[in-house]
């Protein structure tokens, strides 16, 4: 089994994002032992800057991605495969390649890094 990672995301409480962040961190710590080979993180959408980008391995299904794709796109972000092609839902295959979701500037930087084009 290859190592995988996941992020647990919640909408949080905009007036008190720290409380939700603490609760999600406790939940991630509680769930982690039951998912060997997985690295779990947690973030709330209410916490400013908590989630700048998301990357996922291949084989996510439409039903895993539909809500997230909509949220990212409505916020002005992009969701594409590692070649920059948009993730398209409701196609013949419901499975998707590895992908990245982020705002336009960060998205392009992540794609460049994935292709080995970024220099430090």
PDB file of N, CA and C in Angstrom:
ATOM      1  N   UNK A   1       0.842  -1.184   0.000  1.00  0.00           N
ATOM      2  CA  UNK A   1       0.000   0.000   0.000  1.00  0.00           C
ATOM      3  C   UNK A   1       0.880   1.238   0.000  1.00  0.00           C
ATOM      4  N   UNK A   2       0.574   2.204  -0.858  1.00  0.00           N
ATOM      5  CA  UNK A   2       1.329   3.437  -0.879  1.00  0.00           C
ATOM      6  C   UNK A   2       0.755   4.404   0.148  1.00  0.00           C
ATOM      7  N   UNK A   3       1.589   5.296   0.641  1.00  0.00           N
ATOM      8  CA  UNK A   3       1.112   6.292   1.588  1.00  0.00           C
ATOM      9  C   UNK A   3       0.181   7.258   0.876  1.00  0.00           C
ATOM     10  N   UNK A   4      -0.859   7.675   1.569  1.00  0.00           N
ATOM     11  CA  UNK A   4      -1.813   8.630   1.046  1.00  0.00           C
ATOM     12  C   UNK A   4      -2.005   9.715   2.077  1.00  0.00           C
ATOM     13  N   UNK A   5      -2.556  10.831   1.633  1.00  0.00           N
ATOM     14  CA  UNK A   5      -2.844  11.893   2.584  1.00  0.00           C
ATOM     15  C   UNK A   5      -4.245  12.405   2.335  1.00  0.00           C
ATOM     16  N   UNK A   6      -4.826  12.957   3.363  1.00  0.00           N
ATOM     17  CA  UNK A   6      -6.166  13.511   3.270  1.00  0.00           C
ATOM     18  C   UNK A   6      -6.242  14.706   4.194  1.00  0.00           C
ATOM     19  N   UNK A   7      -7.126  15.601   3.867  1.00  0.00           N
ATOM     20  CA  UNK A   7      -7.387  16.722   4.756  1.00  0.00           C
ATOM     21  C   UNK A   7      -8.866  16.690   5.109  1.00  0.00           C
ATOM     22  N   UNK A   8      -9.162  16.853   6.371  1.00  0.00           N
ATOM     23  CA  UNK A   8     -10.541  16.896   6.838  1.00  0.00           C
ATOM     24  C   UNK A   8     -10.909  18.381   6.882  1.00  0.00           C
ATOM     25  N   UNK A   9     -11.923  18.753   6.129  1.00  0.00           N
ATOM     26  CA  UNK A   9     -12.292  20.165   6.025  1.00  0.00           C
ATOM     27  C   UNK A   9     -13.692  20.365   6.571  1.00  0.00           C
ATOM     28  N   UNK A  10     -13.865  21.441   7.319  1.00  0.00           N
ATOM     29  CA  UNK A  10     -15.169  21.811   7.849  1.00  0.00           C
ATOM     30  C   UNK A  10     -15.401  23.282   7.567  1.00  0.00           C
ATOM     31  N   UNK A  11     -16.656  23.684   7.522  1.00  0.00           N
ATOM     32  CA  UNK A  11     -16.934  25.099   7.280  1.00  0.00           C
ATOM     33  C   UNK A  11     -16.545  25.950   8.472  1.00  0.00           C
ATOM     34  N   UNK A  12     -16.533  25.413   9.654  1.00  0.00           N
ATOM     35  CA  UNK A  12     -16.112  26.148  10.845  1.00  0.00           C
ATOM     36  C   UNK A  12     -17.100  27.229  11.242  1.00  0.00           C
ATOM     37  N   UNK A  13     -16.766  27.949  12.261  1.00  0.00           N
ATOM     38  CA  UNK A  13     -17.567  29.064  12.748  1.00  0.00           C
ATOM     39  C   UNK A  13     -16.761  30.331  12.513  1.00  0.00           C
ATOM     40  N   UNK A  14     -17.164  31.160  11.549  1.00  0.00           N
ATOM     41  CA  UNK A  14     -16.359  32.332  11.209  1.00  0.00           C
ATOM     42  C   UNK A  14     -15.998  33.229  12.381  1.00  0.00           C
ATOM     43  N   UNK A  15     -16.872  33.320  13.383  1.00  0.00           N
ATOM     44  CA  UNK A  15     -16.571  34.189  14.515  1.00  0.00           C
ATOM     45  C   UNK A  15     -15.537  33.589  15.460  1.00  0.00           C
ATOM     46  N   UNK A  16     -15.391  32.259  15.464  1.00  0.00           N
ATOM     47  CA  UNK A  16     -14.433  31.594  16.338  1.00  0.00           C
ATOM     48  C   UNK A  16     -13.776  30.416  15.624  1.00  0.00           C
ATOM     49  N   UNK A  17     -12.964  30.671  14.593  1.00  0.00           N
ATOM     50  CA  UNK A  17     -12.382  29.556  13.834  1.00  0.00           C
ATOM     51  C   UNK A  17     -11.432  28.683  14.650  1.00  0.00           C
ATOM     52  N   UNK A  18     -10.792  29.236  15.686  1.00  0.00           N
ATOM     53  CA  UNK A  18      -9.841  28.453  16.463  1.00  0.00           C
ATOM     54  C   UNK A  18     -10.506  27.271  17.152  1.00  0.00           C
ATOM     55  N   UNK A  19     -11.742  27.455  17.636  1.00  0.00           N
ATOM     56  CA  UNK A  19     -12.462  26.376  18.315  1.00  0.00           C
ATOM     57  C   UNK A  19     -12.670  25.215  17.354  1.00  0.00           C
ATOM     58  N   UNK A  20     -13.132  25.509  16.146  1.00  0.00           N
ATOM     59  CA  UNK A  20     -13.357  24.459  15.154  1.00  0.00           C
ATOM     60  C   UNK A  20     -12.036  23.821  14.735  1.00  0.00           C
ATOM     61  N   UNK A  21     -10.974  24.622  14.616  1.00  0.00           N
ATOM     62  CA  UNK A  21      -9.664  24.079  14.265  1.00  0.00           C
ATOM     63  C   UNK A  21      -9.215  23.066  15.311  1.00  0.00           C
ATOM     64  N   UNK A  22      -9.376  23.393  16.583  1.00  0.00           N
ATOM     65  CA  UNK A  22      -8.983  22.483  17.666  1.00  0.00           C
ATOM     66  C   UNK A  22      -9.806  21.194  17.631  1.00  0.00           C
ATOM     67  N   UNK A  23     -11.113  21.325  17.395  1.00  0.00           N
ATOM     68  CA  UNK A  23     -11.976  20.142  17.336  1.00  0.00           C
ATOM     69  C   UNK A  23     -11.582  19.243  16.160  1.00  0.00           C
ATOM     70  N   UNK A  24     -11.303  19.836  15.018  1.00  0.00           N
ATOM     71  CA  UNK A  24     -10.906  19.040  13.853  1.00  0.00           C
ATOM     72  C   UNK A  24      -9.552  18.372  14.074  1.00  0.00           C
ATOM     73  N   UNK A  25      -8.625  19.054  14.709  1.00  0.00           N
ATOM     74  CA  UNK A  25      -7.315  18.461  14.990  1.00  0.00           C
ATOM     75  C   UNK A  25      -7.469  17.248  15.910  1.00  0.00           C
ATOM     76  N   UNK A  26      -8.335  17.363  16.924  1.00  0.00           N
ATOM     77  CA  UNK A  26      -8.593  16.228  17.819  1.00  0.00           C
ATOM     78  C   UNK A  26      -9.230  15.068  17.045  1.00  0.00           C
ATOM     79  N   UNK A  27     -10.172  15.398  16.154  1.00  0.00           N
ATOM     80  CA  UNK A  27     -10.819  14.360  15.356  1.00  0.00           C
ATOM     81  C   UNK A  27      -9.815  13.671  14.443  1.00  0.00           C
ATOM     82  N   UNK A  28      -8.956  14.432  13.783  1.00  0.00           N
ATOM     83  CA  UNK A  28      -7.939  13.842  12.901  1.00  0.00           C
ATOM     84  C   UNK A  28      -7.014  12.927  13.695  1.00  0.00           C
ATOM     85  N   UNK A  29      -6.623  13.348  14.909  1.00  0.00           N
ATOM     86  CA  UNK A  29      -5.758  12.519  15.749  1.00  0.00           C
ATOM     87  C   UNK A  29      -6.466  11.235  16.172  1.00  0.00           C
ATOM     88  N   UNK A  30      -7.767  11.303  16.390  1.00  0.00           N
ATOM     89  CA  UNK A  30      -8.541  10.130  16.788  1.00  0.00           C
ATOM     90  C   UNK A  30      -8.712   9.144  15.629  1.00  0.00           C
ATOM     91  N   UNK A  31      -8.875   9.666  14.411  1.00  0.00           N
ATOM     92  CA  UNK A  31      -9.106   8.827  13.238  1.00  0.00           C
ATOM     93  C   UNK A  31      -7.815   8.230  12.697  1.00  0.00           C
ATOM     94  N   UNK A  32      -6.719   8.950  12.797  1.00  0.00           N
ATOM     95  CA  UNK A  32      -5.441   8.527  12.200  1.00  0.00           C
ATOM     96  C   UNK A  32      -5.012   7.099  12.516  1.00  0.00           C
ATOM     97  N   UNK A  33      -5.096   6.633  13.755  1.00  0.00           N
ATOM     98  CA  UNK A  33      -4.661   5.262  14.048  1.00  0.00           C
ATOM     99  C   UNK A  33      -5.448   4.192  13.288  1.00  0.00           C
ATOM    100  N   UNK A  34      -6.636   4.540  12.844  1.00  0.00           N
ATOM    101  CA  UNK A  34      -7.478   3.579  12.126  1.00  0.00           C
ATOM    102  C   UNK A  34      -7.223   3.587  10.620  1.00  0.00           C
ATOM    103  N   UNK A  35      -6.332   4.456  10.170  1.00  0.00           N
ATOM    104  CA  UNK A  35      -6.012   4.561   8.743  1.00  0.00           C
ATOM    105  C   UNK A  35      -4.507   4.450   8.537  1.00  0.00           C
ATOM    106  N   UNK A  36      -3.928   3.257   8.730  1.00  0.00           N
ATOM    107  CA  UNK A  36      -2.490   3.107   8.558  1.00  0.00           C
ATOM    108  C   UNK A  36      -2.077   3.467   7.131  1.00  0.00           C
ATOM    109  N   UNK A  37      -0.971   4.166   7.010  1.00  0.00           N
ATOM    110  CA  UNK A  37      -0.486   4.585   5.705  1.00  0.00           C
ATOM    111  C   UNK A  37      -1.061   5.914   5.243  1.00  0.00           C
ATOM    112  N   UNK A  38      -1.940   6.495   6.034  1.00  0.00           N
ATOM    113  CA  UNK A  38      -2.539   7.784   5.685  1.00  0.00           C
ATOM    114  C   UNK A  38      -2.003   8.872   6.604  1.00  0.00           C
ATOM    115  N   UNK A  39      -1.820  10.046   6.054  1.00  0.00           N
ATOM    116  CA  UNK A  39      -1.453  11.226   6.836  1.00  0.00           C
ATOM    117  C   UNK A  39      -2.656  12.155   6.802  1.00  0.00           C
ATOM    118  N   UNK A  40      -3.246  12.434   7.956  1.00  0.00           N
ATOM    119  CA  UNK A  40      -4.437  13.270   8.030  1.00  0.00           C
ATOM    120  C   UNK A  40      -4.094  14.647   8.568  1.00  0.00           C
ATOM    121  N   UNK A  41      -4.720  15.647   7.986  1.00  0.00           N
ATOM    122  CA  UNK A  41      -4.633  17.009   8.482  1.00  0.00           C
ATOM    123  C   UNK A  41      -6.047  17.539   8.581  1.00  0.00           C
ATOM    124  N   UNK A  42      -6.219  18.667   9.241  1.00  0.00           N
ATOM    125  CA  UNK A  42      -7.544  19.246   9.381  1.00  0.00           C
ATOM    126  C   UNK A  42      -7.470  20.753   9.173  1.00  0.00           C
ATOM    127  N   UNK A  43      -8.536  21.320   8.622  1.00  0.00           N
ATOM    128  CA  UNK A  43      -8.629  22.763   8.437  1.00  0.00           C
ATOM    129  C   UNK A  43     -10.094  23.154   8.356  1.00  0.00           C
ATOM    130  N   UNK A  44     -10.386  24.375   8.761  1.00  0.00           N
ATOM    131  CA  UNK A  44     -11.730  24.893   8.545  1.00  0.00           C
ATOM    132  C   UNK A  44     -11.648  25.945   7.458  1.00  0.00           C
ATOM    133  N   UNK A  45     -12.709  26.050   6.690  1.00  0.00           N
ATOM    134  CA  UNK A  45     -12.753  27.075   5.654  1.00  0.00           C
ATOM    135  C   UNK A  45     -12.882  28.454   6.271  1.00  0.00           C
ATOM    136  N   UNK A  46     -13.281  28.524   7.549  1.00  0.00           N
ATOM    137  CA  UNK A  46     -13.413  29.810   8.229  1.00  0.00           C
ATOM    138  C   UNK A  46     -12.061  30.359   8.663  1.00  0.00           C
ATOM    139  N   UNK A  47     -11.074  29.514   8.812  1.00  0.00           N
ATOM    140  CA  UNK A  47      -9.751  29.941   9.256  1.00  0.00           C
ATOM    141  C   UNK A  47      -9.019  30.562   8.070  1.00  0.00           C
ATOM    142  N   UNK A  48      -8.768  31.876   8.081  1.00  0.00           N
ATOM    143  CA  UNK A  48      -8.101  32.519   6.947  1.00  0.00           C
ATOM    144  C   UNK A  48      -6.768  31.849   6.626  1.00  0.00           C
ATOM    145  N   UNK A  49      -6.583  31.529   5.372  1.00  0.00           N
ATOM    146  CA  UNK A  49      -5.329  30.936   4.923  1.00  0.00           C
ATOM    147  C   UNK A  49      -5.143  29.481   5.314  1.00  0.00           C
ATOM    148  N   UNK A  50      -6.159  28.843   5.860  1.00  0.00           N
ATOM    149  CA  UNK A  50      -6.006  27.466   6.330  1.00  0.00           C
ATOM    150  C   UNK A  50      -5.800  26.488   5.198  1.00  0.00           C
ATOM    151  N   UNK A  51      -6.348  26.779   4.053  1.00  0.00           N
ATOM    152  CA  UNK A  51      -6.261  25.843   2.945  1.00  0.00           C
ATOM    153  C   UNK A  51      -6.011  26.623   1.668  1.00  0.00           C
ATOM    154  N   UNK A  52      -4.763  26.614   1.210  1.00  0.00           N
ATOM    155  CA  UNK A  52      -4.408  27.335  -0.003  1.00  0.00           C
ATOM    156  C   UNK A  52      -4.488  26.453  -1.232  1.00  0.00           C
ATOM    157  N   UNK A  53      -4.271  25.177  -1.055  1.00  0.00           N
ATOM    158  CA  UNK A  53      -4.274  24.256  -2.187  1.00  0.00           C
ATOM    159  C   UNK A  53      -4.547  22.847  -1.687  1.00  0.00           C
ATOM    160  N   UNK A  54      -5.032  22.015  -2.592  1.00  0.00           N
ATOM    161  CA  UNK A  54      -5.242  20.604  -2.287  1.00  0.00           C
ATOM    162  C   UNK A  54      -4.730  19.792  -3.454  1.00  0.00           C
ATOM    163  N   UNK A  55      -4.055  18.708  -3.157  1.00  0.00           N
ATOM    164  CA  UNK A  55      -3.599  17.772  -4.180  1.00  0.00           C
ATOM    165  C   UNK A  55      -4.134  16.409  -3.818  1.00  0.00           C
ATOM    166  N   UNK A  56      -4.500  15.644  -4.827  1.00  0.00           N
ATOM    167  CA  UNK A  56      -5.045  14.312  -4.554  1.00  0.00           C
ATOM    168  C   UNK A  56      -4.477  13.306  -5.534  1.00  0.00           C
ATOM    169  N   UNK A  57      -4.349  12.094  -5.063  1.00  0.00           N
ATOM    170  CA  UNK A  57      -3.884  11.007  -5.916  1.00  0.00           C
ATOM    171  C   UNK A  57      -5.009  10.583  -6.851  1.00  0.00           C
ATOM    172  N   UNK A  58      -4.678   9.762  -7.818  1.00  0.00           N
ATOM    173  CA  UNK A  58      -5.635   9.327  -8.835  1.00  0.00           C
ATOM    174  C   UNK A  58      -6.752   8.466  -8.247  1.00  0.00           C
ATOM    175  N   UNK A  59      -7.809   8.336  -9.016  1.00  0.00           N
ATOM    176  CA  UNK A  59      -8.947   7.453  -8.774  1.00  0.00           C
ATOM    177  C   UNK A  59     -10.034   8.017  -7.870  1.00  0.00           C
ATOM    178  N   UNK A  60     -10.048   9.328  -7.626  1.00  0.00           N
ATOM    179  CA  UNK A  60     -11.200   9.922  -6.953  1.00  0.00           C
ATOM    180  C   UNK A  60     -12.376   9.830  -7.910  1.00  0.00           C
ATOM    181  N   UNK A  61     -13.564   9.647  -7.376  1.00  0.00           N
ATOM    182  CA  UNK A  61     -14.767   9.537  -8.206  1.00  0.00           C
ATOM    183  C   UNK A  61     -15.540  10.857  -8.202  1.00  0.00           C
ATOM    184  N   UNK A  62     -16.427  11.002  -9.183  1.00  0.00           N
ATOM    185  CA  UNK A  62     -17.260  12.199  -9.287  1.00  0.00           C
ATOM    186  C   UNK A  62     -17.870  12.579  -7.945  1.00  0.00           C
ATOM    187  N   UNK A  63     -18.453  11.597  -7.258  1.00  0.00           N
ATOM    188  CA  UNK A  63     -19.151  11.878  -6.013  1.00  0.00           C
ATOM    189  C   UNK A  63     -18.198  12.313  -4.904  1.00  0.00           C
ATOM    190  N   UNK A  64     -16.909  12.017  -5.047  1.00  0.00           N
ATOM    191  CA  UNK A  64     -15.921  12.488  -4.080  1.00  0.00           C
ATOM    192  C   UNK A  64     -15.545  13.945  -4.326  1.00  0.00           C
ATOM    193  N   UNK A  65     -15.695  14.394  -5.562  1.00  0.00           N
ATOM    194  CA  UNK A  65     -15.157  15.688  -5.963  1.00  0.00           C
ATOM    195  C   UNK A  65     -16.180  16.768  -6.259  1.00  0.00           C
ATOM    196  N   UNK A  66     -17.400  16.407  -6.565  1.00  0.00           N
ATOM    197  CA  UNK A  66     -18.363  17.374  -7.103  1.00  0.00           C
ATOM    198  C   UNK A  66     -18.496  18.641  -6.251  1.00  0.00           C
ATOM    199  N   UNK A  67     -18.717  18.496  -4.965  1.00  0.00           N
ATOM    200  CA  UNK A  67     -18.897  19.667  -4.110  1.00  0.00           C
ATOM    201  C   UNK A  67     -17.620  20.495  -4.029  1.00  0.00           C
ATOM    202  N   UNK A  68     -16.484  19.827  -3.877  1.00  0.00           N
ATOM    203  CA  UNK A  68     -15.213  20.548  -3.772  1.00  0.00           C
ATOM    204  C   UNK A  68     -14.890  21.305  -5.054  1.00  0.00           C
ATOM    205  N   UNK A  69     -15.120  20.678  -6.209  1.00  0.00           N
ATOM    206  CA  UNK A  69     -14.857  21.354  -7.487  1.00  0.00           C
ATOM    207  C   UNK A  69     -15.706  22.615  -7.585  1.00  0.00           C
ATOM    208  N   UNK A  70     -16.971  22.517  -7.235  1.00  0.00           N
ATOM    209  CA  UNK A  70     -17.858  23.685  -7.274  1.00  0.00           C
ATOM    210  C   UNK A  70     -17.368  24.790  -6.343  1.00  0.00           C
ATOM    211  N   UNK A  71     -17.022  24.444  -5.113  1.00  0.00           N
ATOM    212  CA  UNK A  71     -16.557  25.447  -4.157  1.00  0.00           C
ATOM    213  C   UNK A  71     -15.293  26.149  -4.639  1.00  0.00           C
ATOM    214  N   UNK A  72     -14.338  25.379  -5.132  1.00  0.00           N
ATOM    215  CA  UNK A  72     -13.079  25.966  -5.610  1.00  0.00           C
ATOM    216  C   UNK A  72     -13.340  26.882  -6.793  1.00  0.00           C
ATOM    217  N   UNK A  73     -14.132  26.423  -7.757  1.00  0.00           N
ATOM    218  CA  UNK A  73     -14.404  27.235  -8.938  1.00  0.00           C
ATOM    219  C   UNK A  73     -15.187  28.496  -8.587  1.00  0.00           C
ATOM    220  N   UNK A  74     -16.161  28.392  -7.699  1.00  0.00           N
ATOM    221  CA  UNK A  74     -16.936  29.564  -7.294  1.00  0.00           C
ATOM    222  C   UNK A  74     -16.070  30.583  -6.555  1.00  0.00           C
ATOM    223  N   UNK A  75     -15.011  30.123  -5.908  1.00  0.00           N
ATOM    224  CA  UNK A  75     -14.094  31.015  -5.206  1.00  0.00           C
ATOM    225  C   UNK A  75     -13.026  31.580  -6.143  1.00  0.00           C
ATOM    226  N   UNK A  76     -13.097  31.224  -7.438  1.00  0.00           N
ATOM    227  CA  UNK A  76     -12.133  31.746  -8.404  1.00  0.00           C
ATOM    228  C   UNK A  76     -10.935  30.853  -8.621  1.00  0.00           C
ATOM    229  N   UNK A  77     -10.944  29.665  -8.040  1.00  0.00           N
ATOM    230  CA  UNK A  77      -9.814  28.753  -8.181  1.00  0.00           C
ATOM    231  C   UNK A  77      -9.966  27.829  -9.376  1.00  0.00           C
ATOM    232  N   UNK A  78      -8.958  26.996  -9.549  1.00  0.00           N
ATOM    233  CA  UNK A  78      -8.939  26.025 -10.646  1.00  0.00           C
ATOM    234  C   UNK A  78      -8.746  24.628 -10.084  1.00  0.00           C
ATOM    235  N   UNK A  79      -9.369  23.639 -10.735  1.00  0.00           N
ATOM    236  CA  UNK A  79      -9.195  22.228 -10.399  1.00  0.00           C
ATOM    237  C   UNK A  79      -8.832  21.532 -11.700  1.00  0.00           C
ATOM    238  N   UNK A  80      -7.581  21.041 -11.780  1.00  0.00           N
ATOM    239  CA  UNK A  80      -7.116  20.400 -13.008  1.00  0.00           C
ATOM    240  C   UNK A  80      -6.302  19.158 -12.683  1.00  0.00           C
ATOM    241  N   UNK A  81      -6.065  18.352 -13.731  1.00  0.00           N
ATOM    242  CA  UNK A  81      -5.120  17.257 -13.561  1.00  0.00           C
ATOM    243  C   UNK A  81      -3.714  17.860 -13.556  1.00  0.00           C
ATOM    244  N   UNK A  82      -2.696  17.046 -13.410  1.00  0.00           N
ATOM    245  CA  UNK A  82      -1.327  17.558 -13.302  1.00  0.00           C
ATOM    246  C   UNK A  82      -0.776  18.094 -14.619  1.00  0.00           C
ATOM    247  N   UNK A  83      -1.547  17.950 -15.698  1.00  0.00           N
ATOM    248  CA  UNK A  83      -1.165  18.518 -16.995  1.00  0.00           C
ATOM    249  C   UNK A  83      -1.905  19.819 -17.259  1.00  0.00           C
ATOM    250  N   UNK A  84      -2.772  20.226 -16.350  1.00  0.00           N
ATOM    251  CA  UNK A  84      -3.515  21.468 -16.496  1.00  0.00           C
ATOM    252  C   UNK A  84      -4.878  21.322 -17.147  1.00  0.00           C
ATOM    253  N   UNK A  85      -5.294  20.100 -17.468  1.00  0.00           N
ATOM    254  CA  UNK A  85      -6.617  19.878 -18.060  1.00  0.00           C
ATOM    255  C   UNK A  85      -7.679  19.928 -16.961  1.00  0.00           C
ATOM    256  N   UNK A  86      -8.782  20.632 -17.200  1.00  0.00           N
ATOM    257  CA  UNK A  86      -9.826  20.733 -16.170  1.00  0.00           C
ATOM    258  C   UNK A  86     -10.412  19.371 -15.806  1.00  0.00           C
ATOM    259  N   UNK A  87     -10.771  19.225 -14.540  1.00  0.00           N
ATOM    260  CA  UNK A  87     -11.478  18.031 -14.089  1.00  0.00           C
ATOM    261  C   UNK A  87     -12.917  18.177 -14.568  1.00  0.00           C
ATOM    262  N   UNK A  88     -13.382  17.207 -15.307  1.00  0.00           N
ATOM    263  CA  UNK A  88     -14.745  17.238 -15.862  1.00  0.00           C
ATOM    264  C   UNK A  88     -15.565  16.119 -15.213  1.00  0.00           C
ATOM    265  N   UNK A  89     -16.723  16.502 -14.722  1.00  0.00           N
ATOM    266  CA  UNK A  89     -17.619  15.552 -14.071  1.00  0.00           C
ATOM    267  C   UNK A  89     -18.663  15.047 -15.061  1.00  0.00           C
ATOM    268  N   UNK A  90     -19.336  13.954 -14.700  1.00  0.00           N
ATOM    269  CA  UNK A  90     -20.417  13.379 -15.504  1.00  0.00           C
ATOM    270  C   UNK A  90     -19.947  12.949 -16.895  1.00  0.00           C
ATOM    271  N   UNK A  91     -18.796  12.309 -16.947  1.00  0.00           N
ATOM    272  CA  UNK A  91     -18.271  11.783 -18.200  1.00  0.00           C
ATOM    273  C   UNK A  91     -18.449  10.260 -18.206  1.00  0.00           C
ATOM    274  N   UNK A  92     -17.994   9.601 -19.259  1.00  0.00           N
ATOM    275  CA  UNK A  92     -18.125   8.139 -19.367  1.00  0.00           C
ATOM    276  C   UNK A  92     -17.468   7.433 -18.183  1.00  0.00           C
ATOM    277  N   UNK A  93     -16.292   7.920 -17.766  1.00  0.00           N
ATOM    278  CA  UNK A  93     -15.621   7.368 -16.595  1.00  0.00           C
ATOM    279  C   UNK A  93     -15.816   8.325 -15.429  1.00  0.00           C
ATOM    280  N   UNK A  94     -16.203   7.796 -14.278  1.00  0.00           N
ATOM    281  CA  UNK A  94     -16.391   8.644 -13.101  1.00  0.00           C
ATOM    282  C   UNK A  94     -15.104   8.795 -12.293  1.00  0.00           C
ATOM    283  N   UNK A  95     -14.046   8.100 -12.699  1.00  0.00           N
ATOM    284  CA  UNK A  95     -12.761   8.169 -11.997  1.00  0.00           C
ATOM    285  C   UNK A  95     -11.895   9.265 -12.605  1.00  0.00           C
ATOM    286  N   UNK A  96     -11.030   9.863 -11.776  1.00  0.00           N
ATOM    287  CA  UNK A  96     -10.216  10.989 -12.212  1.00  0.00           C
ATOM    288  C   UNK A  96      -8.739  10.752 -11.935  1.00  0.00           C
ATOM    289  N   UNK A  97      -7.879  11.416 -12.717  1.00  0.00           N
ATOM    290  CA  UNK A  97      -6.449  11.324 -12.463  1.00  0.00           C
ATOM    291  C   UNK A  97      -6.078  12.149 -11.227  1.00  0.00           C
ATOM    292  N   UNK A  98      -4.828  12.088 -10.830  1.00  0.00           N
ATOM    293  CA  UNK A  98      -4.343  12.948  -9.751  1.00  0.00           C
ATOM    294  C   UNK A  98      -4.659  14.392 -10.143  1.00  0.00           C
ATOM    295  N   UNK A  99      -4.949  15.228  -9.150  1.00  0.00           N
ATOM    296  CA  UNK A  99      -5.319  16.597  -9.493  1.00  0.00           C
ATOM    297  C   UNK A  99      -4.838  17.587  -8.447  1.00  0.00           C
ATOM    298  N   UNK A 100      -4.908  18.853  -8.834  1.00  0.00           N
ATOM    299  CA  UNK A 100      -4.570  19.952  -7.940  1.00  0.00           C
ATOM    300  C   UNK A 100      -5.721  20.959  -7.969  1.00  0.00           C
ATOM    301  N   UNK A 101      -6.033  21.519  -6.808  1.00  0.00           N
ATOM    302  CA  UNK A 101      -7.053  22.559  -6.680  1.00  0.00           C
ATOM    303  C   UNK A 101      -6.426  23.717  -5.918  1.00  0.00           C
ATOM    304  N   UNK A 102      -6.484  24.906  -6.511  1.00  0.00           N
ATOM    305  CA  UNK A 102      -5.887  26.076  -5.865  1.00  0.00           C
ATOM    306  C   UNK A 102      -6.317  27.334  -6.608  1.00  0.00           C
ATOM    307  N   UNK A 103      -5.985  28.488  -6.027  1.00  0.00           N
ATOM    308  CA  UNK A 103      -6.182  29.752  -6.724  1.00  0.00           C
ATOM    309  C   UNK A 103      -5.241  29.811  -7.920  1.00  0.00           C
ATOM    310  N   UNK A 104      -5.520  30.699  -8.893  1.00  0.00           N
ATOM    311  CA  UNK A 104      -4.759  30.716 -10.152  1.00  0.00           C
ATOM    312  C   UNK A 104      -3.238  30.825  -9.998  1.00  0.00           C
ATOM    313  N   UNK A 105      -2.750  31.750  -9.167  1.00  0.00           N
ATOM    314  CA  UNK A 105      -1.298  31.935  -9.039  1.00  0.00           C
ATOM    315  C   UNK A 105      -0.631  30.714  -8.431  1.00  0.00           C
ATOM    316  N   UNK A 106      -1.158  30.219  -7.346  1.00  0.00           N
ATOM    317  CA  UNK A 106      -0.578  29.058  -6.676  1.00  0.00           C
ATOM    318  C   UNK A 106      -0.762  27.805  -7.525  1.00  0.00           C
ATOM    319  N   UNK A 107      -1.879  27.701  -8.197  1.00  0.00           N
ATOM    320  CA  UNK A 107      -2.150  26.543  -9.060  1.00  0.00           C
ATOM    321  C   UNK A 107      -1.056  26.400 -10.111  1.00  0.00           C
ATOM    322  N   UNK A 108      -0.726  27.486 -10.786  1.00  0.00           N
ATOM    323  CA  UNK A 108       0.311  27.438 -11.820  1.00  0.00           C
ATOM    324  C   UNK A 108       1.669  27.048 -11.245  1.00  0.00           C
ATOM    325  N   UNK A 109       1.977  27.548 -10.053  1.00  0.00           N
ATOM    326  CA  UNK A 109       3.258  27.205  -9.412  1.00  0.00           C
ATOM    327  C   UNK A 109       3.309  25.723  -9.056  1.00  0.00           C
ATOM    328  N   UNK A 110       2.197  25.174  -8.580  1.00  0.00           N
ATOM    329  CA  UNK A 110       2.155  23.752  -8.231  1.00  0.00           C
ATOM    330  C   UNK A 110       2.320  22.894  -9.480  1.00  0.00           C
ATOM    331  N   UNK A 111       1.651  23.268 -10.578  1.00  0.00           N
ATOM    332  CA  UNK A 111       1.808  22.522 -11.829  1.00  0.00           C
ATOM    333  C   UNK A 111       3.252  22.569 -12.313  1.00  0.00           C
ATOM    334  N   UNK A 112       3.876  23.727 -12.226  1.00  0.00           N
ATOM    335  CA  UNK A 112       5.276  23.852 -12.646  1.00  0.00           C
ATOM    336  C   UNK A 112       6.177  22.953 -11.799  1.00  0.00           C
ATOM    337  N   UNK A 113       5.937  22.933 -10.492  1.00  0.00           N
ATOM    338  CA  UNK A 113       6.737  22.083  -9.602  1.00  0.00           C
ATOM    339  C   UNK A 113       6.506  20.611  -9.939  1.00  0.00           C
ATOM    340  N   UNK A 114       5.268  20.247 -10.228  1.00  0.00           N
ATOM    341  CA  UNK A 114       4.950  18.855 -10.547  1.00  0.00           C
ATOM    342  C   UNK A 114       5.649  18.416 -11.831  1.00  0.00           C
ATOM    343  N   UNK A 115       5.845  19.349 -12.747  1.00  0.00           N
ATOM    344  CA  UNK A 115       6.519  19.038 -14.008  1.00  0.00           C
ATOM    345  C   UNK A 115       8.037  19.213 -13.902  1.00  0.00           C
ATOM    346  N   UNK A 116       8.529  19.624 -12.731  1.00  0.00           N
ATOM    347  CA  UNK A 116       9.956  19.824 -12.545  1.00  0.00           C
ATOM    348  C   UNK A 116      10.486  21.093 -13.176  1.00  0.00           C
ATOM    349  N   UNK A 117       9.599  22.067 -13.427  1.00  0.00           N
ATOM    350  CA  UNK A 117      10.010  23.305 -14.083  1.00  0.00           C
ATOM    351  C   UNK A 117      10.361  24.409 -13.105  1.00  0.00           C
ATOM    352  N   UNK A 118      10.095  24.197 -11.826  1.00  0.00           N
ATOM    353  CA  UNK A 118      10.331  25.253 -10.852  1.00  0.00           C
ATOM    354  C   UNK A 118      11.775  25.202 -10.383  1.00  0.00           C
ATOM    355  N   UNK A 119      12.407  26.353 -10.349  1.00  0.00           N
ATOM    356  CA  UNK A 119      13.761  26.424  -9.828  1.00  0.00           C
ATOM    357  C   UNK A 119      13.738  27.216  -8.530  1.00  0.00           C
ATOM    358  N   UNK A 120      14.594  26.809  -7.600  1.00  0.00           N
ATOM    359  CA  UNK A 120      14.638  27.482  -6.295  1.00  0.00           C
ATOM    360  C   UNK A 120      15.912  28.273  -6.185  1.00  0.00           C
TER     361      UNK A 120
END
